[in-house]
Amino acid sequence: MYLFWEKLKERRWLDKVKPFWFIHDAILFQAKKEVFDEAMGLLKECLEVETKKYIKEYFGIEIGYPIESEGKFGLNWGEMEKYKD
């Protein structure tokens, strides 16, 4: 979530995308419609690629297995649908 927030800050998107919660292995955010797809891609990149780089740089540990993520979206919990890249 930290890496995602940093990337949003770099793009000056903190007024368009609001990360607001993480639960175990889920990160929840709200986004304006016009940047939603890009925000989902950015989060996926942070989870699958940037996390490995961060862990190697700051902890000296190389992750030797793939990290995969999937997304869901909806206007409320009852309407969540699988996000297709």
N, C-alpha and C. Protein backbone atom coordinates (compact mmCIF):
# COMPACT_ATOMS: atom_id res chain seq x y z
N MET A 1 0.83 -1.18 0.00
CA MET A 1 0.00 0.00 0.00
C MET A 1 0.88 1.25 0.00
N TYR A 2 1.99 1.18 0.71
CA TYR A 2 2.93 2.30 0.74
C TYR A 2 3.46 2.61 -0.67
N LEU A 3 3.87 1.56 -1.38
CA LEU A 3 4.41 1.77 -2.73
C LEU A 3 3.34 2.35 -3.66
N PHE A 4 2.12 1.88 -3.53
CA PHE A 4 1.00 2.39 -4.32
C PHE A 4 0.78 3.87 -4.02
N TRP A 5 0.77 4.21 -2.75
CA TRP A 5 0.57 5.60 -2.34
C TRP A 5 1.68 6.50 -2.89
N GLU A 6 2.92 6.02 -2.84
CA GLU A 6 4.04 6.79 -3.37
C GLU A 6 3.88 7.03 -4.88
N LYS A 7 3.47 6.02 -5.60
CA LYS A 7 3.27 6.17 -7.06
C LYS A 7 2.14 7.15 -7.35
N LEU A 8 1.08 7.10 -6.55
CA LEU A 8 -0.03 8.05 -6.73
C LEU A 8 0.45 9.48 -6.47
N LYS A 9 1.28 9.62 -5.45
CA LYS A 9 1.83 10.93 -5.11
C LYS A 9 2.70 11.47 -6.25
N GLU A 10 3.53 10.61 -6.84
CA GLU A 10 4.39 11.01 -7.96
C GLU A 10 3.55 11.51 -9.14
N ARG A 11 2.43 10.88 -9.38
CA ARG A 11 1.55 11.25 -10.50
C ARG A 11 0.60 12.40 -10.16
N ARG A 12 0.64 12.83 -8.91
CA ARG A 12 -0.27 13.86 -8.41
C ARG A 12 -1.74 13.42 -8.56
N TRP A 13 -1.97 12.19 -8.16
CA TRP A 13 -3.31 11.60 -8.26
C TRP A 13 -3.99 11.46 -6.91
N LEU A 14 -3.42 11.97 -5.85
CA LEU A 14 -4.03 11.78 -4.54
C LEU A 14 -5.40 12.43 -4.43
N ASP A 15 -5.73 13.32 -5.35
CA ASP A 15 -7.07 13.89 -5.39
C ASP A 15 -8.04 13.04 -6.22
N LYS A 16 -7.49 12.04 -6.95
CA LYS A 16 -8.30 11.19 -7.82
C LYS A 16 -8.41 9.76 -7.35
N VAL A 17 -7.42 9.32 -6.57
CA VAL A 17 -7.37 7.93 -6.08
C VAL A 17 -7.09 7.98 -4.59
N LYS A 18 -7.93 7.31 -3.81
CA LYS A 18 -7.78 7.31 -2.35
C LYS A 18 -7.64 5.89 -1.81
N PRO A 19 -6.40 5.43 -1.55
CA PRO A 19 -6.25 4.16 -0.84
C PRO A 19 -6.77 4.39 0.59
N PHE A 20 -7.60 3.50 1.07
CA PHE A 20 -8.15 3.76 2.39
C PHE A 20 -8.16 2.57 3.34
N TRP A 21 -7.85 1.39 2.89
CA TRP A 21 -7.93 0.26 3.80
C TRP A 21 -7.14 -0.91 3.24
N PHE A 22 -6.53 -1.68 4.12
CA PHE A 22 -5.99 -2.96 3.71
C PHE A 22 -6.36 -3.99 4.75
N ILE A 23 -6.72 -5.17 4.27
CA ILE A 23 -7.15 -6.26 5.13
C ILE A 23 -6.38 -7.50 4.65
N HIS A 24 -5.52 -8.02 5.49
CA HIS A 24 -4.70 -9.20 5.16
C HIS A 24 -3.99 -8.99 3.82
N ASP A 25 -4.55 -9.53 2.74
CA ASP A 25 -3.90 -9.42 1.44
C ASP A 25 -4.72 -8.59 0.45
N ALA A 26 -5.59 -7.73 0.95
CA ALA A 26 -6.42 -6.89 0.08
C ALA A 26 -6.13 -5.41 0.35
N ILE A 27 -6.08 -4.65 -0.73
CA ILE A 27 -5.93 -3.20 -0.64
C ILE A 27 -7.16 -2.58 -1.29
N LEU A 28 -7.84 -1.73 -0.55
CA LEU A 28 -9.04 -1.10 -1.08
C LEU A 28 -8.76 0.37 -1.38
N PHE A 29 -9.30 0.83 -2.49
CA PHE A 29 -9.16 2.24 -2.83
C PHE A 29 -10.39 2.70 -3.60
N GLN A 30 -10.61 4.00 -3.56
CA GLN A 30 -11.64 4.64 -4.36
C GLN A 30 -10.93 5.44 -5.43
N ALA A 31 -11.54 5.51 -6.64
CA ALA A 31 -10.90 6.26 -7.72
C ALA A 31 -11.95 6.90 -8.61
N LYS A 32 -11.58 8.01 -9.18
CA LYS A 32 -12.41 8.64 -10.20
C LYS A 32 -12.44 7.72 -11.42
N LYS A 33 -13.56 7.70 -12.08
CA LYS A 33 -13.76 6.81 -13.22
C LYS A 33 -12.68 6.97 -14.29
N GLU A 34 -12.27 8.22 -14.55
CA GLU A 34 -11.32 8.47 -15.64
C GLU A 34 -9.92 7.91 -15.39
N VAL A 35 -9.57 7.59 -14.16
CA VAL A 35 -8.24 7.03 -13.86
C VAL A 35 -8.31 5.63 -13.26
N PHE A 36 -9.50 5.09 -13.15
CA PHE A 36 -9.66 3.81 -12.46
C PHE A 36 -8.82 2.69 -13.09
N ASP A 37 -8.92 2.51 -14.41
CA ASP A 37 -8.17 1.42 -15.05
C ASP A 37 -6.67 1.58 -14.86
N GLU A 38 -6.19 2.80 -14.99
CA GLU A 38 -4.76 3.05 -14.78
C GLU A 38 -4.36 2.79 -13.32
N ALA A 39 -5.23 3.18 -12.40
CA ALA A 39 -4.94 2.95 -10.97
C ALA A 39 -4.89 1.46 -10.66
N MET A 40 -5.80 0.69 -11.25
CA MET A 40 -5.77 -0.77 -11.04
C MET A 40 -4.48 -1.36 -11.58
N GLY A 41 -4.04 -0.90 -12.76
CA GLY A 41 -2.78 -1.38 -13.33
C GLY A 41 -1.59 -0.98 -12.48
N LEU A 42 -1.63 0.22 -11.96
CA LEU A 42 -0.55 0.71 -11.10
C LEU A 42 -0.47 -0.11 -9.81
N LEU A 43 -1.60 -0.39 -9.21
CA LEU A 43 -1.61 -1.21 -7.99
C LEU A 43 -1.07 -2.60 -8.29
N LYS A 44 -1.50 -3.20 -9.40
CA LYS A 44 -1.02 -4.53 -9.77
C LYS A 44 0.50 -4.51 -9.95
N GLU A 45 1.02 -3.48 -10.62
CA GLU A 45 2.47 -3.34 -10.81
C GLU A 45 3.19 -3.22 -9.46
N CYS A 46 2.63 -2.44 -8.56
CA CYS A 46 3.23 -2.29 -7.22
C CYS A 46 3.25 -3.62 -6.48
N LEU A 47 2.15 -4.36 -6.56
CA LEU A 47 2.06 -5.62 -5.83
C LEU A 47 2.97 -6.70 -6.43
N GLU A 48 3.02 -6.80 -7.74
CA GLU A 48 3.71 -7.91 -8.39
C GLU A 48 5.16 -7.64 -8.73
N VAL A 49 5.51 -6.38 -9.01
CA VAL A 49 6.87 -6.05 -9.46
C VAL A 49 7.62 -5.19 -8.45
N GLU A 50 7.04 -4.07 -8.10
CA GLU A 50 7.74 -3.12 -7.23
C GLU A 50 8.00 -3.68 -5.83
N THR A 51 7.11 -4.52 -5.34
CA THR A 51 7.30 -5.13 -4.02
C THR A 51 8.57 -5.97 -3.99
N LYS A 52 8.80 -6.75 -5.04
CA LYS A 52 10.01 -7.58 -5.10
C LYS A 52 11.26 -6.71 -5.07
N LYS A 53 11.24 -5.62 -5.83
CA LYS A 53 12.39 -4.70 -5.87
C LYS A 53 12.62 -4.07 -4.49
N TYR A 54 11.54 -3.66 -3.85
CA TYR A 54 11.63 -3.03 -2.53
C TYR A 54 12.22 -3.99 -1.50
N ILE A 55 11.74 -5.21 -1.48
CA ILE A 55 12.22 -6.22 -0.53
C ILE A 55 13.71 -6.51 -0.76
N LYS A 56 14.10 -6.61 -2.03
CA LYS A 56 15.51 -6.87 -2.32
C LYS A 56 16.38 -5.69 -1.89
N GLU A 57 15.94 -4.47 -2.22
CA GLU A 57 16.75 -3.28 -1.90
C GLU A 57 16.87 -3.05 -0.40
N TYR A 58 15.77 -3.16 0.34
CA TYR A 58 15.79 -2.78 1.75
C TYR A 58 16.03 -3.94 2.72
N PHE A 59 15.84 -5.18 2.27
CA PHE A 59 16.02 -6.32 3.16
C PHE A 59 17.04 -7.32 2.64
N GLY A 60 17.50 -7.13 1.40
CA GLY A 60 18.50 -8.02 0.84
C GLY A 60 17.97 -9.41 0.52
N ILE A 61 16.68 -9.54 0.38
CA ILE A 61 16.07 -10.85 0.11
C ILE A 61 15.51 -10.85 -1.31
N GLU A 62 15.90 -11.86 -2.06
CA GLU A 62 15.38 -11.99 -3.43
C GLU A 62 14.20 -12.96 -3.41
N ILE A 63 13.08 -12.49 -3.88
CA ILE A 63 11.88 -13.33 -3.96
C ILE A 63 12.00 -14.15 -5.24
N GLY A 64 12.05 -15.45 -5.12
CA GLY A 64 12.27 -16.33 -6.27
C GLY A 64 11.01 -16.98 -6.82
N TYR A 65 9.89 -16.46 -6.47
CA TYR A 65 8.63 -17.02 -6.98
C TYR A 65 7.74 -15.87 -7.46
N PRO A 66 6.83 -16.16 -8.35
CA PRO A 66 5.97 -15.09 -8.85
C PRO A 66 4.98 -14.61 -7.79
N ILE A 67 4.73 -13.33 -7.80
CA ILE A 67 3.68 -12.75 -6.96
C ILE A 67 2.57 -12.35 -7.91
N GLU A 68 1.40 -12.90 -7.71
CA GLU A 68 0.28 -12.61 -8.58
C GLU A 68 -0.84 -11.95 -7.79
N SER A 69 -1.56 -11.07 -8.46
CA SER A 69 -2.68 -10.41 -7.80
C SER A 69 -3.87 -10.37 -8.75
N GLU A 70 -5.02 -10.21 -8.17
CA GLU A 70 -6.23 -10.05 -8.96
C GLU A 70 -7.07 -8.96 -8.31
N GLY A 71 -7.88 -8.33 -9.11
CA GLY A 71 -8.67 -7.23 -8.59
C GLY A 71 -10.16 -7.46 -8.73
N LYS A 72 -10.89 -6.76 -7.90
CA LYS A 72 -12.35 -6.72 -7.98
C LYS A 72 -12.77 -5.26 -7.88
N PHE A 73 -13.94 -4.95 -8.40
CA PHE A 73 -14.43 -3.58 -8.33
C PHE A 73 -15.94 -3.59 -8.22
N GLY A 74 -16.48 -2.51 -7.73
CA GLY A 74 -17.92 -2.37 -7.63
C GLY A 74 -18.29 -1.13 -6.86
N LEU A 75 -19.55 -0.78 -6.93
CA LEU A 75 -20.04 0.39 -6.21
C LEU A 75 -20.26 0.09 -4.74
N ASN A 76 -20.39 -1.20 -4.38
CA ASN A 76 -20.53 -1.62 -2.99
C ASN A 76 -20.12 -3.08 -2.88
N TRP A 77 -20.03 -3.60 -1.65
CA TRP A 77 -19.58 -4.99 -1.44
C TRP A 77 -20.46 -5.99 -2.17
N GLY A 78 -21.76 -5.74 -2.25
CA GLY A 78 -22.69 -6.68 -2.87
C GLY A 78 -22.59 -6.73 -4.39
N GLU A 79 -21.92 -5.75 -5.00
CA GLU A 79 -21.84 -5.68 -6.46
C GLU A 79 -20.42 -5.87 -6.98
N MET A 80 -19.56 -6.47 -6.20
CA MET A 80 -18.17 -6.66 -6.62
C MET A 80 -18.09 -7.64 -7.78
N GLU A 81 -17.27 -7.28 -8.78
CA GLU A 81 -17.03 -8.13 -9.94
C GLU A 81 -15.52 -8.27 -10.14
N LYS A 82 -15.14 -9.38 -10.73
CA LYS A 82 -13.72 -9.58 -11.01
C LYS A 82 -13.28 -8.58 -12.06
N TYR A 83 -12.15 -7.93 -11.81
CA TYR A 83 -11.58 -6.97 -12.75
C TYR A 83 -10.75 -7.72 -13.77
N LYS A 84 -11.00 -7.42 -15.02
CA LYS A 84 -10.20 -8.04 -16.10
C LYS A 84 -9.24 -7.00 -16.64
N ASP A 85 -7.95 -7.35 -16.63
CA ASP A 85 -6.90 -6.42 -17.09
C ASP A 85 -7.12 -6.03 -18.54
